[in-house]
Amino acid sequence: MFANDSDHASQAAPGQNSAFLEEKAFRTRTVLVFGAITDATASETVRRLLALDAESDAPINMVVSSPGGHLESGDAIHDVVRFIDAPVNMIGTGWVGSAATHLYLGAPRARRVCLPQTRFLIHQPSGGMGGTASDIAIHAREIVKARERIARVIARESGQALERVLADIERDHWMPAEEAVAYGLVSRIIERRKELA
């Protein structure tokens, strides 16, 4: 009887643990970006950043583990990180790829850190446009513009020459944590939360 009561008491109502964790994350000024970068991800992340910024100008810790996704959604997060007054500490973990690398570069290099096992991926945008030849041509021109824009951001934020970045993103370019530091994507590798200070 007691075991059943205990089991029942330990099971939270659906969504209760989620709400509790959300509140804890907000109180610790932590924003999580996990999974594919979509419009929904960008909306939720931007909302949290703006709310935390309105509350205080104390640093915000953003933990990123994502294979990437929609470039313009990554743009929205990147730009808002730079727009708000509160400084953002970017903490890479797992993998930070494509559009996720782009949003990660929204923070100044000194505030970009990663955990030891993190891998980074930079590459040019890809397209899957169908339709008329005219529409495909327009889409191709936009992809080329996006490629050049991404390369300029990576070059600016890493300190690498634009020509090198353009060559590096021609194909998938993977970097473990140590290489990402050497490349300039990351300032340093950390293992403990206290190392953020």
C-alpha atoms as a PDB file:
ATOM      1  CA  MET A   1       0.000   0.000   0.000  1.00  0.00           C
ATOM      2  CA  PHE A   2       2.737   2.442   0.927  1.00  0.00           C
ATOM      3  CA  ALA A   3       4.721   1.620  -2.223  1.00  0.00           C
ATOM      4  CA  ASN A   4       1.720   2.437  -4.382  1.00  0.00           C
ATOM      5  CA  ASP A   5       1.088   5.666  -2.499  1.00  0.00           C
ATOM      6  CA  SER A   6       4.748   6.625  -2.874  1.00  0.00           C
ATOM      7  CA  ASP A   7       4.743   5.831  -6.579  1.00  0.00           C
ATOM      8  CA  HIS A   8       1.569   7.862  -7.056  1.00  0.00           C
ATOM      9  CA  ALA A   9       2.950  10.816  -5.100  1.00  0.00           C
ATOM     10  CA  SER A  10       6.191  10.870  -7.098  1.00  0.00           C
ATOM     11  CA  GLN A  11       4.392  11.053 -10.437  1.00  0.00           C
ATOM     12  CA  ALA A  12       3.832  14.655 -11.392  1.00  0.00           C
ATOM     13  CA  ALA A  13       0.819  15.734 -13.379  1.00  0.00           C
ATOM     14  CA  PRO A  14       1.476  16.055 -17.132  1.00  0.00           C
ATOM     15  CA  GLY A  15       3.341  19.278 -17.799  1.00  0.00           C
ATOM     16  CA  GLN A  16       4.052  19.930 -14.116  1.00  0.00           C
ATOM     17  CA  ASN A  17       7.724  18.974 -14.299  1.00  0.00           C
ATOM     18  CA  SER A  18       8.051  20.960 -17.516  1.00  0.00           C
ATOM     19  CA  ALA A  19       6.604  24.096 -15.927  1.00  0.00           C
ATOM     20  CA  PHE A  20       8.855  23.652 -12.885  1.00  0.00           C
ATOM     21  CA  LEU A  21      11.953  23.272 -15.077  1.00  0.00           C
ATOM     22  CA  GLU A  22      10.956  26.253 -17.217  1.00  0.00           C
ATOM     23  CA  GLU A  23      10.650  28.408 -14.106  1.00  0.00           C
ATOM     24  CA  LYS A  24      14.017  27.193 -12.782  1.00  0.00           C
ATOM     25  CA  ALA A  25      15.681  27.913 -16.129  1.00  0.00           C
ATOM     26  CA  PHE A  26      14.170  31.401 -16.198  1.00  0.00           C
ATOM     27  CA  ARG A  27      15.322  32.125 -12.633  1.00  0.00           C
ATOM     28  CA  THR A  28      18.859  31.024 -13.451  1.00  0.00           C
ATOM     29  CA  ARG A  29      18.762  33.120 -16.661  1.00  0.00           C
ATOM     30  CA  THR A  30      19.335  30.059 -18.827  1.00  0.00           C
ATOM     31  CA  VAL A  31      17.971  29.573 -22.347  1.00  0.00           C
ATOM     32  CA  LEU A  32      18.187  26.150 -24.024  1.00  0.00           C
ATOM     33  CA  VAL A  33      18.362  25.762 -27.809  1.00  0.00           C
ATOM     34  CA  PHE A  34      18.195  22.049 -28.638  1.00  0.00           C
ATOM     35  CA  GLY A  35      17.120  20.323 -31.842  1.00  0.00           C
ATOM     36  CA  ALA A  36      16.422  21.752 -35.261  1.00  0.00           C
ATOM     37  CA  ILE A  37      16.312  25.532 -35.658  1.00  0.00           C
ATOM     38  CA  THR A  38      12.808  26.380 -36.864  1.00  0.00           C
ATOM     39  CA  ASP A  39      10.489  29.390 -36.791  1.00  0.00           C
ATOM     40  CA  ALA A  40       8.993  27.958 -33.593  1.00  0.00           C
ATOM     41  CA  THR A  41      12.448  27.569 -32.006  1.00  0.00           C
ATOM     42  CA  ALA A  42      13.360  31.133 -32.977  1.00  0.00           C
ATOM     43  CA  SER A  43      10.085  32.542 -31.646  1.00  0.00           C
ATOM     44  CA  GLU A  44      10.461  30.783 -28.289  1.00  0.00           C
ATOM     45  CA  THR A  45      14.151  31.678 -27.942  1.00  0.00           C
ATOM     46  CA  VAL A  46      13.650  35.337 -28.879  1.00  0.00           C
ATOM     47  CA  ARG A  47      10.704  35.591 -26.473  1.00  0.00           C
ATOM     48  CA  ARG A  48      12.842  34.274 -23.622  1.00  0.00           C
ATOM     49  CA  LEU A  49      15.779  36.515 -24.457  1.00  0.00           C
ATOM     50  CA  LEU A  50      13.585  39.615 -24.547  1.00  0.00           C
ATOM     51  CA  ALA A  51      11.866  38.663 -21.274  1.00  0.00           C
ATOM     52  CA  LEU A  52      15.161  38.039 -19.482  1.00  0.00           C
ATOM     53  CA  ASP A  53      16.608  41.264 -20.883  1.00  0.00           C
ATOM     54  CA  ALA A  54      13.578  43.236 -19.657  1.00  0.00           C
ATOM     55  CA  GLU A  55      14.013  41.754 -16.195  1.00  0.00           C
ATOM     56  CA  SER A  56      17.719  42.522 -15.760  1.00  0.00           C
ATOM     57  CA  ASP A  57      20.928  43.282 -17.630  1.00  0.00           C
ATOM     58  CA  ALA A  58      22.703  40.406 -15.844  1.00  0.00           C
ATOM     59  CA  PRO A  59      24.289  37.825 -18.188  1.00  0.00           C
ATOM     60  CA  ILE A  60      22.131  35.187 -19.866  1.00  0.00           C
ATOM     61  CA  ASN A  61      23.519  31.682 -20.441  1.00  0.00           C
ATOM     62  CA  MET A  62      22.400  30.111 -23.700  1.00  0.00           C
ATOM     63  CA  VAL A  63      23.131  26.394 -24.076  1.00  0.00           C
ATOM     64  CA  VAL A  64      23.162  25.292 -27.737  1.00  0.00           C
ATOM     65  CA  SER A  65      23.088  21.745 -29.123  1.00  0.00           C
ATOM     66  CA  SER A  66      21.606  21.674 -32.600  1.00  0.00           C
ATOM     67  CA  PRO A  67      22.343  20.316 -36.071  1.00  0.00           C
ATOM     68  CA  GLY A  68      21.072  23.591 -37.545  1.00  0.00           C
ATOM     69  CA  GLY A  69      17.997  24.165 -39.632  1.00  0.00           C
ATOM     70  CA  HIS A  70      16.298  27.207 -41.113  1.00  0.00           C
ATOM     71  CA  LEU A  71      18.879  29.944 -41.781  1.00  0.00           C
ATOM     72  CA  GLU A  72      16.533  32.884 -41.313  1.00  0.00           C
ATOM     73  CA  SER A  73      15.370  31.464 -37.964  1.00  0.00           C
ATOM     74  CA  GLY A  74      19.022  31.339 -36.946  1.00  0.00           C
ATOM     75  CA  ASP A  75      19.368  34.930 -38.181  1.00  0.00           C
ATOM     76  CA  ALA A  76      16.547  36.035 -35.864  1.00  0.00           C
ATOM     77  CA  ILE A  77      18.236  34.560 -32.782  1.00  0.00           C
ATOM     78  CA  HIS A  78      21.692  35.821 -33.846  1.00  0.00           C
ATOM     79  CA  ASP A  79      20.405  39.374 -34.286  1.00  0.00           C
ATOM     80  CA  VAL A  80      18.402  39.460 -31.034  1.00  0.00           C
ATOM     81  CA  VAL A  81      21.428  38.211 -29.063  1.00  0.00           C
ATOM     82  CA  ARG A  82      23.234  41.284 -30.393  1.00  0.00           C
ATOM     83  CA  PHE A  83      20.169  43.548 -29.970  1.00  0.00           C
ATOM     84  CA  ILE A  84      19.484  43.075 -26.248  1.00  0.00           C
ATOM     85  CA  ASP A  85      21.441  44.851 -23.508  1.00  0.00           C
ATOM     86  CA  ALA A  86      22.061  41.774 -21.350  1.00  0.00           C
ATOM     87  CA  PRO A  87      25.251  39.979 -22.410  1.00  0.00           C
ATOM     88  CA  VAL A  88      24.794  36.402 -23.602  1.00  0.00           C
ATOM     89  CA  ASN A  89      27.209  33.583 -22.781  1.00  0.00           C
ATOM     90  CA  MET A  90      26.992  30.988 -25.568  1.00  0.00           C
ATOM     91  CA  ILE A  91      27.719  27.471 -24.336  1.00  0.00           C
ATOM     92  CA  GLY A  92      28.106  24.857 -27.046  1.00  0.00           C
ATOM     93  CA  THR A  93      27.521  21.202 -26.247  1.00  0.00           C
ATOM     94  CA  GLY A  94      26.850  18.084 -28.284  1.00  0.00           C
ATOM     95  CA  TRP A  95      26.974  19.545 -31.752  1.00  0.00           C
ATOM     96  CA  VAL A  96      26.597  23.057 -33.057  1.00  0.00           C
ATOM     97  CA  GLY A  97      26.061  22.979 -36.796  1.00  0.00           C
ATOM     98  CA  SER A  98      24.995  25.095 -39.724  1.00  0.00           C
ATOM     99  CA  ALA A  99      22.318  27.629 -38.646  1.00  0.00           C
ATOM    100  CA  ALA A 100      23.099  26.792 -35.002  1.00  0.00           C
ATOM    101  CA  THR A 101      26.722  27.865 -35.547  1.00  0.00           C
ATOM    102  CA  HIS A 102      25.363  31.071 -37.060  1.00  0.00           C
ATOM    103  CA  LEU A 103      23.241  31.921 -34.013  1.00  0.00           C
ATOM    104  CA  TYR A 104      26.102  30.843 -31.725  1.00  0.00           C
ATOM    105  CA  LEU A 105      28.270  33.514 -33.382  1.00  0.00           C
ATOM    106  CA  GLY A 106      25.811  36.210 -32.232  1.00  0.00           C
ATOM    107  CA  ALA A 107      27.748  36.502 -28.971  1.00  0.00           C
ATOM    108  CA  PRO A 108      31.193  38.153 -28.791  1.00  0.00           C
ATOM    109  CA  ARG A 109      34.083  35.667 -29.010  1.00  0.00           C
ATOM    110  CA  ALA A 110      35.026  36.164 -25.341  1.00  0.00           C
ATOM    111  CA  ARG A 111      31.529  34.935 -24.392  1.00  0.00           C
ATOM    112  CA  ARG A 112      31.549  31.885 -26.695  1.00  0.00           C
ATOM    113  CA  VAL A 113      32.601  28.731 -24.863  1.00  0.00           C
ATOM    114  CA  CYS A 114      31.956  25.032 -25.293  1.00  0.00           C
ATOM    115  CA  LEU A 115      32.089  21.800 -23.365  1.00  0.00           C
ATOM    116  CA  PRO A 116      34.861  19.330 -24.258  1.00  0.00           C
ATOM    117  CA  GLN A 117      32.905  16.947 -26.511  1.00  0.00           C
ATOM    118  CA  THR A 118      31.269  19.621 -28.670  1.00  0.00           C
ATOM    119  CA  ARG A 119      31.615  19.431 -32.448  1.00  0.00           C
ATOM    120  CA  PHE A 120      31.043  22.364 -34.790  1.00  0.00           C
ATOM    121  CA  LEU A 121      29.969  22.350 -38.423  1.00  0.00           C
ATOM    122  CA  ILE A 122      30.203  25.189 -40.915  1.00  0.00           C
ATOM    123  CA  HIS A 123      29.032  24.916 -44.507  1.00  0.00           C
ATOM    124  CA  GLN A 124      27.237  26.811 -47.228  1.00  0.00           C
ATOM    125  CA  PRO A 125      23.423  26.891 -47.303  1.00  0.00           C
ATOM    126  CA  SER A 126      21.616  24.305 -49.351  1.00  0.00           C
ATOM    127  CA  GLY A 127      18.392  24.581 -51.274  1.00  0.00           C
ATOM    128  CA  GLY A 128      15.618  22.285 -52.346  1.00  0.00           C
ATOM    129  CA  MET A 129      13.613  24.631 -54.516  1.00  0.00           C
ATOM    130  CA  GLY A 130      11.414  23.287 -57.262  1.00  0.00           C
ATOM    131  CA  GLY A 131       9.099  25.027 -59.690  1.00  0.00           C
ATOM    132  CA  THR A 132       9.693  27.000 -62.832  1.00  0.00           C
ATOM    133  CA  ALA A 133      13.160  27.655 -64.229  1.00  0.00           C
ATOM    134  CA  SER A 134      12.769  31.362 -63.395  1.00  0.00           C
ATOM    135  CA  ASP A 135      11.916  30.627 -59.762  1.00  0.00           C
ATOM    136  CA  ILE A 136      14.812  28.166 -59.455  1.00  0.00           C
ATOM    137  CA  ALA A 137      17.185  30.822 -60.866  1.00  0.00           C
ATOM    138  CA  ILE A 138      15.932  33.385 -58.322  1.00  0.00           C
ATOM    139  CA  HIS A 139      16.370  30.868 -55.518  1.00  0.00           C
ATOM    140  CA  ALA A 140      19.911  30.033 -56.699  1.00  0.00           C
ATOM    141  CA  ARG A 141      20.864  33.739 -56.634  1.00  0.00           C
ATOM    142  CA  GLU A 142      19.501  34.031 -53.074  1.00  0.00           C
ATOM    143  CA  ILE A 143      21.503  30.990 -51.951  1.00  0.00           C
ATOM    144  CA  VAL A 144      24.690  32.552 -53.330  1.00  0.00           C
ATOM    145  CA  LYS A 145      23.927  35.799 -51.448  1.00  0.00           C
ATOM    146  CA  ALA A 146      23.252  33.831 -48.252  1.00  0.00           C
ATOM    147  CA  ARG A 147      26.525  31.928 -48.699  1.00  0.00           C
ATOM    148  CA  GLU A 148      28.490  35.176 -48.950  1.00  0.00           C
ATOM    149  CA  ARG A 149      26.661  36.662 -45.948  1.00  0.00           C
ATOM    150  CA  ILE A 150      27.343  33.593 -43.799  1.00  0.00           C
ATOM    151  CA  ALA A 151      30.999  33.620 -44.824  1.00  0.00           C
ATOM    152  CA  ARG A 152      31.321  37.306 -43.855  1.00  0.00           C
ATOM    153  CA  VAL A 153      29.825  36.622 -40.404  1.00  0.00           C
ATOM    154  CA  ILE A 154      32.125  33.649 -39.806  1.00  0.00           C
ATOM    155  CA  ALA A 155      35.149  35.671 -40.971  1.00  0.00           C
ATOM    156  CA  ARG A 156      34.216  38.658 -38.785  1.00  0.00           C
ATOM    157  CA  GLU A 157      33.563  36.564 -35.690  1.00  0.00           C
ATOM    158  CA  SER A 158      36.472  34.138 -36.057  1.00  0.00           C
ATOM    159  CA  GLY A 159      39.183  36.469 -37.367  1.00  0.00           C
ATOM    160  CA  GLN A 160      39.763  34.199 -40.367  1.00  0.00           C
ATOM    161  CA  ALA A 161      40.276  35.638 -43.845  1.00  0.00           C
ATOM    162  CA  LEU A 162      37.086  35.724 -45.907  1.00  0.00           C
ATOM    163  CA  GLU A 163      38.797  33.761 -48.693  1.00  0.00           C
ATOM    164  CA  ARG A 164      39.651  30.940 -46.278  1.00  0.00           C
ATOM    165  CA  VAL A 165      36.101  30.825 -44.900  1.00  0.00           C
ATOM    166  CA  LEU A 166      34.615  30.707 -48.400  1.00  0.00           C
ATOM    167  CA  ALA A 167      36.897  27.762 -49.204  1.00  0.00           C
ATOM    168  CA  ASP A 168      36.121  26.028 -45.903  1.00  0.00           C
ATOM    169  CA  ILE A 169      32.340  26.234 -46.287  1.00  0.00           C
ATOM    170  CA  GLU A 170      32.426  24.883 -49.838  1.00  0.00           C
ATOM    171  CA  ARG A 171      31.839  21.445 -48.267  1.00  0.00           C
ATOM    172  CA  ASP A 172      30.884  20.334 -44.748  1.00  0.00           C
ATOM    173  CA  HIS A 173      33.704  21.445 -42.435  1.00  0.00           C
ATOM    174  CA  TRP A 174      33.613  19.683 -39.059  1.00  0.00           C
ATOM    175  CA  MET A 175      35.687  20.827 -36.098  1.00  0.00           C
ATOM    176  CA  PRO A 176      36.092  19.278 -32.661  1.00  0.00           C
ATOM    177  CA  ALA A 177      36.269  21.691 -29.729  1.00  0.00           C
ATOM    178  CA  GLU A 178      40.033  22.231 -29.895  1.00  0.00           C
ATOM    179  CA  GLU A 179      39.956  23.028 -33.613  1.00  0.00           C
ATOM    180  CA  ALA A 180      36.994  25.369 -33.135  1.00  0.00           C
ATOM    181  CA  VAL A 181      39.057  27.300 -30.575  1.00  0.00           C
ATOM    182  CA  ALA A 182      42.020  27.475 -32.962  1.00  0.00           C
ATOM    183  CA  TYR A 183      39.697  28.595 -35.786  1.00  0.00           C
ATOM    184  CA  GLY A 184      38.229  31.374 -33.637  1.00  0.00           C
ATOM    185  CA  LEU A 185      34.653  30.133 -33.338  1.00  0.00           C
ATOM    186  CA  VAL A 186      35.116  29.488 -29.615  1.00  0.00           C
ATOM    187  CA  SER A 187      37.146  31.398 -27.038  1.00  0.00           C
ATOM    188  CA  ARG A 188      37.806  28.445 -24.714  1.00  0.00           C
ATOM    189  CA  ILE A 189      36.719  25.004 -23.614  1.00  0.00           C
ATOM    190  CA  ILE A 190      35.178  24.712 -20.154  1.00  0.00           C
ATOM    191  CA  GLU A 191      34.176  21.734 -18.028  1.00  0.00           C
ATOM    192  CA  ARG A 192      32.404  23.372 -15.071  1.00  0.00           C
ATOM    193  CA  ARG A 193      29.742  26.054 -14.719  1.00  0.00           C
ATOM    194  CA  LYS A 194      31.960  28.055 -12.366  1.00  0.00           C
ATOM    195  CA  GLU A 195      34.401  28.570 -15.262  1.00  0.00           C
ATOM    196  CA  LEU A 196      31.900  30.924 -16.906  1.00  0.00           C
ATOM    197  CA  ALA A 197      32.658  33.621 -14.329  1.00  0.00           C
END
